[in-house]
Amino acid sequence: MSDILNAIIMGIVEGLTEFLPVSSTGHMILTAHLLGFEGDRAKTFEVVVQLGAVLAVLVLYWRRFLGFLDVRPGFMKRPGINAVHVALAMIPAVVIGLLFRDQIKEFLFGPNPVLYSLVAGGVLMIVAEKARVRVTSETMDDITYKQALGIGLFQCLALWPGFSRSGSTMSGGMLLGTSQKAAAEFTFIVSVPMMFAASGYDLYKSREFLTMADLPLFLIGLAASFIVGMLAIVTFLNAIKKLKLSYFAYYRFALAAIFFVILYL
């Protein structure tokens, strides 16, 4: 029963935090540490449960993703974002992730690095908000190829667990002239191929830890992440105009302080 409860808790944490600028990976690592749910089996579970949140985006934006398959001549000149925007935003993190995957897993996946990155990511978010860069892309479909690539470069920061993919890309987008909502929606879209690719690669690397006995555990966590993830996306997009990035930054600082006390004092 304890494993089932762990799966539900971890699924809820993943679904709630994946698309907020607070770092789902950081929350998962810290939560797993508190639950004592650690080791190779737990790390494999964390990869699987992320797919639930990704599926939530796929369901909510399925028409948009179908549109990306239309690559007939001239598609790059049509209004709105297309598959090239998504590819440009993916390439930097994919390259860095593949080149330094082992070093990232060895040195950055742990409570201590997560605490530092929670603070560093919060500082970036405050800087992005205070910079007040002139908005040139009010909606997601106004985002240019140059902005998409720039957002992709900022996404590399999310390879450091605790930094947050949405936090780094939203901050990057705002510094590059997109509105906060446009950057948030574009982040959701890019997260789908990014996380499918990353999770698929990690699952392949961890295939020896996948067993039929753990299937119920993984499915429960995935379902919890999917349901909560859908609710979190809709709620976040409805509230995005009222919520400042600095609010999430202060939350990150408080979380880092609380876990520092729990873990080290």
C-alpha atoms as a PDB file:
ATOM      1  CA  MET A   1       0.000   0.000   0.000  1.00  0.00           C
ATOM      2  CA  SER A   2       2.857   2.397   0.717  1.00  0.00           C
ATOM      3  CA  ASP A   3       4.067   2.122  -2.891  1.00  0.00           C
ATOM      4  CA  ILE A   4       0.581   2.922  -4.205  1.00  0.00           C
ATOM      5  CA  LEU A   5       0.363   5.959  -1.912  1.00  0.00           C
ATOM      6  CA  ASN A   6       3.818   7.068  -3.059  1.00  0.00           C
ATOM      7  CA  ALA A   7       2.688   6.725  -6.682  1.00  0.00           C
ATOM      8  CA  ILE A   8      -0.401   8.886  -6.090  1.00  0.00           C
ATOM      9  CA  ILE A   9       1.549  11.557  -4.205  1.00  0.00           C
ATOM     10  CA  MET A  10       4.313  11.670  -6.811  1.00  0.00           C
ATOM     11  CA  GLY A  11       1.781  11.777  -9.652  1.00  0.00           C
ATOM     12  CA  ILE A  12      -0.056  14.695  -8.058  1.00  0.00           C
ATOM     13  CA  VAL A  13       3.218  16.565  -7.438  1.00  0.00           C
ATOM     14  CA  GLU A  14       4.287  16.018 -11.063  1.00  0.00           C
ATOM     15  CA  GLY A  15       0.934  17.105 -12.486  1.00  0.00           C
ATOM     16  CA  LEU A  16       0.775  20.227 -10.318  1.00  0.00           C
ATOM     17  CA  THR A  17       4.319  21.412 -10.932  1.00  0.00           C
ATOM     18  CA  GLU A  18       5.243  20.333 -14.476  1.00  0.00           C
ATOM     19  CA  PHE A  19       3.819  23.429 -16.131  1.00  0.00           C
ATOM     20  CA  LEU A  20       4.305  25.947 -13.346  1.00  0.00           C
ATOM     21  CA  PRO A  21       7.640  27.824 -13.186  1.00  0.00           C
ATOM     22  CA  VAL A  22       8.648  26.029  -9.978  1.00  0.00           C
ATOM     23  CA  SER A  23      10.445  22.917 -11.355  1.00  0.00           C
ATOM     24  CA  SER A  24       8.623  19.595 -11.373  1.00  0.00           C
ATOM     25  CA  THR A  25      11.906  17.656 -11.383  1.00  0.00           C
ATOM     26  CA  GLY A  26      13.105  19.538  -8.338  1.00  0.00           C
ATOM     27  CA  HIS A  27       9.833  18.885  -6.518  1.00  0.00           C
ATOM     28  CA  MET A  28       9.926  15.209  -7.516  1.00  0.00           C
ATOM     29  CA  ILE A  29      13.488  14.769  -6.235  1.00  0.00           C
ATOM     30  CA  LEU A  30      12.733  16.515  -2.941  1.00  0.00           C
ATOM     31  CA  THR A  31       9.398  14.697  -2.483  1.00  0.00           C
ATOM     32  CA  ALA A  32      10.955  11.317  -3.253  1.00  0.00           C
ATOM     33  CA  HIS A  33      13.676  12.045  -0.707  1.00  0.00           C
ATOM     34  CA  LEU A  34      11.099  12.832   1.971  1.00  0.00           C
ATOM     35  CA  LEU A  35       9.048   9.712   1.125  1.00  0.00           C
ATOM     36  CA  GLY A  36      12.136   7.510   1.077  1.00  0.00           C
ATOM     37  CA  PHE A  37      11.144   6.495  -2.452  1.00  0.00           C
ATOM     38  CA  GLU A  38      14.604   6.450  -4.015  1.00  0.00           C
ATOM     39  CA  GLY A  39      16.886   4.212  -6.026  1.00  0.00           C
ATOM     40  CA  ASP A  40      16.867   3.042  -9.650  1.00  0.00           C
ATOM     41  CA  ARG A  41      13.238   1.850  -9.501  1.00  0.00           C
ATOM     42  CA  ALA A  42      12.082   5.209  -8.187  1.00  0.00           C
ATOM     43  CA  LYS A  43      14.065   7.111 -10.835  1.00  0.00           C
ATOM     44  CA  THR A  44      12.423   5.009 -13.548  1.00  0.00           C
ATOM     45  CA  PHE A  45       9.022   5.763 -12.021  1.00  0.00           C
ATOM     46  CA  GLU A  46       9.783   9.500 -12.131  1.00  0.00           C
ATOM     47  CA  VAL A  47      10.441   9.223 -15.877  1.00  0.00           C
ATOM     48  CA  VAL A  48       7.182   7.339 -16.490  1.00  0.00           C
ATOM     49  CA  VAL A  49       5.018   9.669 -14.416  1.00  0.00           C
ATOM     50  CA  GLN A  50       6.225  12.698 -16.422  1.00  0.00           C
ATOM     51  CA  LEU A  51       4.544  11.207 -19.477  1.00  0.00           C
ATOM     52  CA  GLY A  52       1.159  11.695 -17.803  1.00  0.00           C
ATOM     53  CA  ALA A  53       1.677  15.444 -17.723  1.00  0.00           C
ATOM     54  CA  VAL A  54       2.847  15.411 -21.355  1.00  0.00           C
ATOM     55  CA  LEU A  55      -0.274  13.538 -22.426  1.00  0.00           C
ATOM     56  CA  ALA A  56      -2.351  16.268 -20.761  1.00  0.00           C
ATOM     57  CA  VAL A  57      -0.838  18.867 -23.111  1.00  0.00           C
ATOM     58  CA  LEU A  58      -1.326  16.573 -26.106  1.00  0.00           C
ATOM     59  CA  VAL A  59      -5.034  16.184 -25.297  1.00  0.00           C
ATOM     60  CA  LEU A  60      -5.604  19.911 -24.710  1.00  0.00           C
ATOM     61  CA  TYR A  61      -3.711  21.040 -27.833  1.00  0.00           C
ATOM     62  CA  TRP A  62      -4.359  18.120 -30.195  1.00  0.00           C
ATOM     63  CA  ARG A  63      -5.592  20.340 -33.030  1.00  0.00           C
ATOM     64  CA  ARG A  64      -2.423  22.414 -32.839  1.00  0.00           C
ATOM     65  CA  PHE A  65      -0.228  19.309 -33.044  1.00  0.00           C
ATOM     66  CA  LEU A  66      -2.184  17.997 -36.035  1.00  0.00           C
ATOM     67  CA  GLY A  67      -1.488  21.328 -37.717  1.00  0.00           C
ATOM     68  CA  PHE A  68       2.251  20.828 -37.268  1.00  0.00           C
ATOM     69  CA  LEU A  69       2.026  17.778 -39.545  1.00  0.00           C
ATOM     70  CA  ASP A  70       1.029  20.010 -42.453  1.00  0.00           C
ATOM     71  CA  VAL A  71       4.397  20.741 -44.047  1.00  0.00           C
ATOM     72  CA  ARG A  72       3.245  21.419 -47.593  1.00  0.00           C
ATOM     73  CA  PRO A  73       5.291  23.952 -49.615  1.00  0.00           C
ATOM     74  CA  GLY A  74       5.012  27.427 -48.151  1.00  0.00           C
ATOM     75  CA  PHE A  75       4.040  26.286 -44.671  1.00  0.00           C
ATOM     76  CA  MET A  76       6.831  28.370 -43.108  1.00  0.00           C
ATOM     77  CA  LYS A  77       5.235  31.569 -44.459  1.00  0.00           C
ATOM     78  CA  ARG A  78       1.768  30.876 -43.084  1.00  0.00           C
ATOM     79  CA  PRO A  79       0.667  32.848 -39.972  1.00  0.00           C
ATOM     80  CA  GLY A  80       1.199  31.208 -36.609  1.00  0.00           C
ATOM     81  CA  ILE A  81       3.838  28.921 -35.179  1.00  0.00           C
ATOM     82  CA  ASN A  82       4.745  25.756 -37.041  1.00  0.00           C
ATOM     83  CA  ALA A  83       6.969  22.707 -36.724  1.00  0.00           C
ATOM     84  CA  VAL A  84      10.090  24.782 -37.421  1.00  0.00           C
ATOM     85  CA  HIS A  85       9.433  27.000 -34.397  1.00  0.00           C
ATOM     86  CA  VAL A  86       9.189  23.900 -32.237  1.00  0.00           C
ATOM     87  CA  ALA A  87      12.330  22.351 -33.739  1.00  0.00           C
ATOM     88  CA  LEU A  88      14.336  25.546 -33.183  1.00  0.00           C
ATOM     89  CA  ALA A  89      13.233  25.639 -29.542  1.00  0.00           C
ATOM     90  CA  MET A  90      14.203  21.982 -29.057  1.00  0.00           C
ATOM     91  CA  ILE A  91      17.594  21.718 -30.727  1.00  0.00           C
ATOM     92  CA  PRO A  92      19.834  23.486 -28.151  1.00  0.00           C
ATOM     93  CA  ALA A  93      18.606  21.476 -25.138  1.00  0.00           C
ATOM     94  CA  VAL A  94      18.588  18.207 -27.113  1.00  0.00           C
ATOM     95  CA  VAL A  95      22.216  18.674 -28.159  1.00  0.00           C
ATOM     96  CA  ILE A  96      23.423  19.719 -24.702  1.00  0.00           C
ATOM     97  CA  GLY A  97      21.360  17.000 -23.047  1.00  0.00           C
ATOM     98  CA  LEU A  98      22.781  14.247 -25.243  1.00  0.00           C
ATOM     99  CA  LEU A  99      26.354  15.474 -24.893  1.00  0.00           C
ATOM    100  CA  PHE A 100      26.292  15.856 -21.108  1.00  0.00           C
ATOM    101  CA  ARG A 101      23.529  13.449 -19.997  1.00  0.00           C
ATOM    102  CA  ASP A 102      25.772  11.337 -17.763  1.00  0.00           C
ATOM    103  CA  GLN A 103      27.390  14.344 -16.082  1.00  0.00           C
ATOM    104  CA  ILE A 104      23.978  15.950 -15.495  1.00  0.00           C
ATOM    105  CA  LYS A 105      22.606  12.748 -13.940  1.00  0.00           C
ATOM    106  CA  GLU A 106      25.696  12.293 -11.777  1.00  0.00           C
ATOM    107  CA  PHE A 107      26.246  15.811 -10.455  1.00  0.00           C
ATOM    108  CA  LEU A 108      22.929  17.677 -10.681  1.00  0.00           C
ATOM    109  CA  PHE A 109      20.275  15.106  -9.699  1.00  0.00           C
ATOM    110  CA  GLY A 110      20.166  15.448  -5.934  1.00  0.00           C
ATOM    111  CA  PRO A 111      18.615  17.570  -3.175  1.00  0.00           C
ATOM    112  CA  ASN A 112      21.598  19.897  -2.786  1.00  0.00           C
ATOM    113  CA  PRO A 113      21.904  21.006  -6.460  1.00  0.00           C
ATOM    114  CA  VAL A 114      18.115  21.384  -6.602  1.00  0.00           C
ATOM    115  CA  LEU A 115      18.130  23.853  -3.700  1.00  0.00           C
ATOM    116  CA  TYR A 116      20.707  26.018  -5.480  1.00  0.00           C
ATOM    117  CA  SER A 117      18.824  25.915  -8.791  1.00  0.00           C
ATOM    118  CA  LEU A 118      15.514  26.845  -7.141  1.00  0.00           C
ATOM    119  CA  VAL A 119      17.164  30.072  -5.993  1.00  0.00           C
ATOM    120  CA  ALA A 120      19.012  30.701  -9.275  1.00  0.00           C
ATOM    121  CA  GLY A 121      15.848  30.145 -11.321  1.00  0.00           C
ATOM    122  CA  GLY A 122      13.907  32.482  -9.054  1.00  0.00           C
ATOM    123  CA  VAL A 123      16.492  35.224  -9.566  1.00  0.00           C
ATOM    124  CA  LEU A 124      16.201  34.838 -13.367  1.00  0.00           C
ATOM    125  CA  MET A 125      12.408  35.119 -13.161  1.00  0.00           C
ATOM    126  CA  ILE A 126      12.614  38.347 -11.152  1.00  0.00           C
ATOM    127  CA  VAL A 127      15.141  39.773 -13.618  1.00  0.00           C
ATOM    128  CA  ALA A 128      12.837  38.900 -16.556  1.00  0.00           C
ATOM    129  CA  GLU A 129       9.883  40.596 -14.887  1.00  0.00           C
ATOM    130  CA  LYS A 130      11.757  43.718 -13.788  1.00  0.00           C
ATOM    131  CA  ALA A 131      13.461  44.173 -17.185  1.00  0.00           C
ATOM    132  CA  ARG A 132      10.115  45.214 -18.727  1.00  0.00           C
ATOM    133  CA  VAL A 133      11.216  44.448 -22.290  1.00  0.00           C
ATOM    134  CA  ARG A 134       8.836  45.798 -24.940  1.00  0.00           C
ATOM    135  CA  VAL A 135       6.395  43.084 -25.998  1.00  0.00           C
ATOM    136  CA  THR A 136       6.551  42.347 -29.736  1.00  0.00           C
ATOM    137  CA  SER A 137       4.803  38.959 -29.614  1.00  0.00           C
ATOM    138  CA  GLU A 138       1.527  39.255 -27.718  1.00  0.00           C
ATOM    139  CA  THR A 139       0.248  35.769 -28.585  1.00  0.00           C
ATOM    140  CA  MET A 140       1.988  32.460 -29.163  1.00  0.00           C
ATOM    141  CA  ASP A 141       1.335  32.730 -32.908  1.00  0.00           C
ATOM    142  CA  ASP A 142       3.275  36.014 -33.039  1.00  0.00           C
ATOM    143  CA  ILE A 143       6.511  34.328 -31.905  1.00  0.00           C
ATOM    144  CA  THR A 144       9.265  34.635 -34.520  1.00  0.00           C
ATOM    145  CA  TYR A 145      11.831  32.018 -35.500  1.00  0.00           C
ATOM    146  CA  LYS A 146      14.539  34.081 -33.800  1.00  0.00           C
ATOM    147  CA  GLN A 147      12.548  34.223 -30.564  1.00  0.00           C
ATOM    148  CA  ALA A 148      11.866  30.475 -30.765  1.00  0.00           C
ATOM    149  CA  LEU A 149      15.590  29.748 -31.009  1.00  0.00           C
ATOM    150  CA  GLY A 150      16.327  32.158 -28.176  1.00  0.00           C
ATOM    151  CA  ILE A 151      13.729  30.478 -25.976  1.00  0.00           C
ATOM    152  CA  GLY A 152      15.376  27.162 -26.857  1.00  0.00           C
ATOM    153  CA  LEU A 153      18.717  28.455 -25.605  1.00  0.00           C
ATOM    154  CA  PHE A 154      17.140  29.478 -22.307  1.00  0.00           C
ATOM    155  CA  GLN A 155      15.554  26.026 -22.096  1.00  0.00           C
ATOM    156  CA  CYS A 156      19.060  24.567 -21.703  1.00  0.00           C
ATOM    157  CA  LEU A 157      19.024  25.948 -18.155  1.00  0.00           C
ATOM    158  CA  ALA A 158      16.232  23.468 -17.371  1.00  0.00           C
ATOM    159  CA  LEU A 159      18.712  20.602 -17.749  1.00  0.00           C
ATOM    160  CA  TRP A 160      19.734  21.591 -14.223  1.00  0.00           C
ATOM    161  CA  PRO A 161      16.985  20.000 -12.091  1.00  0.00           C
ATOM    162  CA  GLY A 162      15.192  22.613 -10.052  1.00  0.00           C
ATOM    163  CA  PHE A 163      15.643  25.394 -12.597  1.00  0.00           C
ATOM    164  CA  SER A 164      12.296  24.628 -14.279  1.00  0.00           C
ATOM    165  CA  ARG A 165      11.620  24.287 -17.993  1.00  0.00           C
ATOM    166  CA  SER A 166       8.645  26.645 -17.878  1.00  0.00           C
ATOM    167  CA  GLY A 167      10.482  29.067 -15.606  1.00  0.00           C
ATOM    168  CA  SER A 168      13.530  29.303 -17.859  1.00  0.00           C
ATOM    169  CA  THR A 169      11.571  29.475 -21.134  1.00  0.00           C
ATOM    170  CA  MET A 170       8.998  31.946 -19.842  1.00  0.00           C
ATOM    171  CA  SER A 171      11.773  34.163 -18.497  1.00  0.00           C
ATOM    172  CA  GLY A 172      13.694  33.836 -21.746  1.00  0.00           C
ATOM    173  CA  GLY A 173      10.618  34.604 -23.813  1.00  0.00           C
ATOM    174  CA  MET A 174       9.847  37.731 -21.804  1.00  0.00           C
ATOM    175  CA  LEU A 175      13.446  38.931 -22.120  1.00  0.00           C
ATOM    176  CA  LEU A 176      13.168  38.366 -25.887  1.00  0.00           C
ATOM    177  CA  GLY A 177       9.919  40.324 -26.264  1.00  0.00           C
ATOM    178  CA  THR A 178       7.078  37.819 -25.872  1.00  0.00           C
ATOM    179  CA  SER A 179       4.190  38.269 -23.479  1.00  0.00           C
ATOM    180  CA  GLN A 180       4.098  36.070 -20.399  1.00  0.00           C
ATOM    181  CA  LYS A 181       1.091  34.108 -21.698  1.00  0.00           C
ATOM    182  CA  ALA A 182       2.617  33.613 -25.165  1.00  0.00           C
ATOM    183  CA  ALA A 183       5.810  32.268 -23.604  1.00  0.00           C
ATOM    184  CA  ALA A 184       3.802  29.975 -21.305  1.00  0.00           C
ATOM    185  CA  GLU A 185       1.720  28.462 -24.112  1.00  0.00           C
ATOM    186  CA  PHE A 186       4.766  28.002 -26.341  1.00  0.00           C
ATOM    187  CA  THR A 187       6.482  26.262 -23.421  1.00  0.00           C
ATOM    188  CA  PHE A 188       3.587  23.809 -23.146  1.00  0.00           C
ATOM    189  CA  ILE A 189       3.783  23.000 -26.862  1.00  0.00           C
ATOM    190  CA  VAL A 190       7.564  22.502 -26.886  1.00  0.00           C
ATOM    191  CA  SER A 191       7.415  20.362 -23.741  1.00  0.00           C
ATOM    192  CA  VAL A 192       5.589  17.548 -25.559  1.00  0.00           C
ATOM    193  CA  PRO A 193       8.264  16.482 -28.091  1.00  0.00           C
ATOM    194  CA  MET A 194      11.023  17.412 -25.632  1.00  0.00           C
ATOM    195  CA  MET A 195       9.681  15.251 -22.830  1.00  0.00           C
ATOM    196  CA  PHE A 196       8.647  12.384 -25.085  1.00  0.00           C
ATOM    197  CA  ALA A 197      12.190  12.317 -26.468  1.00  0.00           C
ATOM    198  CA  ALA A 198      13.879  12.683 -23.070  1.00  0.00           C
ATOM    199  CA  SER A 199      11.576  10.220 -21.299  1.00  0.00           C
ATOM    200  CA  GLY A 200      11.823   7.703 -24.125  1.00  0.00           C
ATOM    201  CA  TYR A 201      15.615   7.851 -24.043  1.00  0.00           C
ATOM    202  CA  ASP A 202      15.702   7.569 -20.241  1.00  0.00           C
ATOM    203  CA  LEU A 203      13.280   4.628 -20.291  1.00  0.00           C
ATOM    204  CA  TYR A 204      15.454   2.862 -22.848  1.00  0.00           C
ATOM    205  CA  LYS A 205      18.494   3.421 -20.652  1.00  0.00           C
ATOM    206  CA  SER A 206      16.547   2.184 -17.599  1.00  0.00           C
ATOM    207  CA  ARG A 207      14.773  -0.721 -19.330  1.00  0.00           C
ATOM    208  CA  GLU A 208      16.304  -3.282 -16.953  1.00  0.00           C
ATOM    209  CA  PHE A 209      14.315  -1.726 -14.094  1.00  0.00           C
ATOM    210  CA  LEU A 210      10.967  -2.018 -15.931  1.00  0.00           C
ATOM    211  CA  THR A 211       9.007  -5.059 -14.741  1.00  0.00           C
ATOM    212  CA  MET A 212       5.396  -6.201 -15.089  1.00  0.00           C
ATOM    213  CA  ALA A 213       5.133  -6.284 -11.294  1.00  0.00           C
ATOM    214  CA  ASP A 214       5.568  -2.494 -11.224  1.00  0.00           C
ATOM    215  CA  LEU A 215       3.007  -1.833 -13.979  1.00  0.00           C
ATOM    216  CA  PRO A 216       0.109  -0.967 -11.587  1.00  0.00           C
ATOM    217  CA  LEU A 217       2.391   1.423  -9.675  1.00  0.00           C
ATOM    218  CA  PHE A 218       3.472   3.197 -12.845  1.00  0.00           C
ATOM    219  CA  LEU A 219      -0.063   3.402 -14.291  1.00  0.00           C
ATOM    220  CA  ILE A 220      -1.469   4.899 -11.077  1.00  0.00           C
ATOM    221  CA  GLY A 221       1.242   7.562 -10.996  1.00  0.00           C
ATOM    222  CA  LEU A 222       0.778   8.303 -14.707  1.00  0.00           C
ATOM    223  CA  ALA A 223      -3.019   8.639 -14.325  1.00  0.00           C
ATOM    224  CA  ALA A 224      -2.687  10.968 -11.332  1.00  0.00           C
ATOM    225  CA  SER A 225      -0.172  13.112 -13.216  1.00  0.00           C
ATOM    226  CA  PHE A 226      -2.415  13.266 -16.317  1.00  0.00           C
ATOM    227  CA  ILE A 227      -5.576  14.332 -14.465  1.00  0.00           C
ATOM    228  CA  VAL A 228      -3.895  16.880 -12.215  1.00  0.00           C
ATOM    229  CA  GLY A 229      -1.771  18.143 -15.125  1.00  0.00           C
ATOM    230  CA  MET A 230      -4.842  18.979 -17.228  1.00  0.00           C
ATOM    231  CA  LEU A 231      -6.404  20.893 -14.339  1.00  0.00           C
ATOM    232  CA  ALA A 232      -3.135  22.733 -13.655  1.00  0.00           C
ATOM    233  CA  ILE A 233      -2.706  23.852 -17.289  1.00  0.00           C
ATOM    234  CA  VAL A 234      -6.223  25.226 -17.624  1.00  0.00           C
ATOM    235  CA  THR A 235      -6.038  26.971 -14.240  1.00  0.00           C
ATOM    236  CA  PHE A 236      -2.600  28.444 -14.933  1.00  0.00           C
ATOM    237  CA  LEU A 237      -3.557  29.843 -18.357  1.00  0.00           C
ATOM    238  CA  ASN A 238      -6.688  31.444 -16.923  1.00  0.00           C
ATOM    239  CA  ALA A 239      -4.687  33.068 -14.137  1.00  0.00           C
ATOM    240  CA  ILE A 240      -1.516  33.962 -16.046  1.00  0.00           C
ATOM    241  CA  LYS A 241      -2.435  37.629 -16.601  1.00  0.00           C
ATOM    242  CA  LYS A 242      -2.913  38.160 -12.869  1.00  0.00           C
ATOM    243  CA  LEU A 243       0.092  36.158 -11.672  1.00  0.00           C
ATOM    244  CA  LYS A 244       3.530  37.724 -11.795  1.00  0.00           C
ATOM    245  CA  LEU A 245       6.629  35.604 -12.250  1.00  0.00           C
ATOM    246  CA  SER A 246       8.009  37.100  -9.059  1.00  0.00           C
ATOM    247  CA  TYR A 247       5.264  35.340  -7.064  1.00  0.00           C
ATOM    248  CA  PHE A 248       6.648  32.005  -8.196  1.00  0.00           C
ATOM    249  CA  ALA A 249      10.191  33.203  -7.545  1.00  0.00           C
ATOM    250  CA  TYR A 250       9.361  33.990  -3.916  1.00  0.00           C
ATOM    251  CA  TYR A 251       7.718  30.571  -3.585  1.00  0.00           C
ATOM    252  CA  ARG A 252      10.919  28.980  -4.883  1.00  0.00           C
ATOM    253  CA  PHE A 253      13.020  30.894  -2.340  1.00  0.00           C
ATOM    254  CA  ALA A 254      10.701  29.830   0.488  1.00  0.00           C
ATOM    255  CA  LEU A 255      10.712  26.193  -0.678  1.00  0.00           C
ATOM    256  CA  ALA A 256      14.506  26.148  -0.863  1.00  0.00           C
ATOM    257  CA  ALA A 257      14.741  27.575   2.656  1.00  0.00           C
ATOM    258  CA  ILE A 258      12.238  25.065   4.072  1.00  0.00           C
ATOM    259  CA  PHE A 259      13.956  22.074   2.517  1.00  0.00           C
ATOM    260  CA  PHE A 260      17.359  23.359   3.586  1.00  0.00           C
ATOM    261  CA  VAL A 261      16.110  23.327   7.188  1.00  0.00           C
ATOM    262  CA  ILE A 262      14.522  19.869   6.769  1.00  0.00           C
ATOM    263  CA  LEU A 263      17.517  18.288   5.083  1.00  0.00           C
ATOM    264  CA  TYR A 264      20.479  19.923   6.770  1.00  0.00           C
ATOM    265  CA  LEU A 265      19.504  21.347  10.176  1.00  0.00           C
END
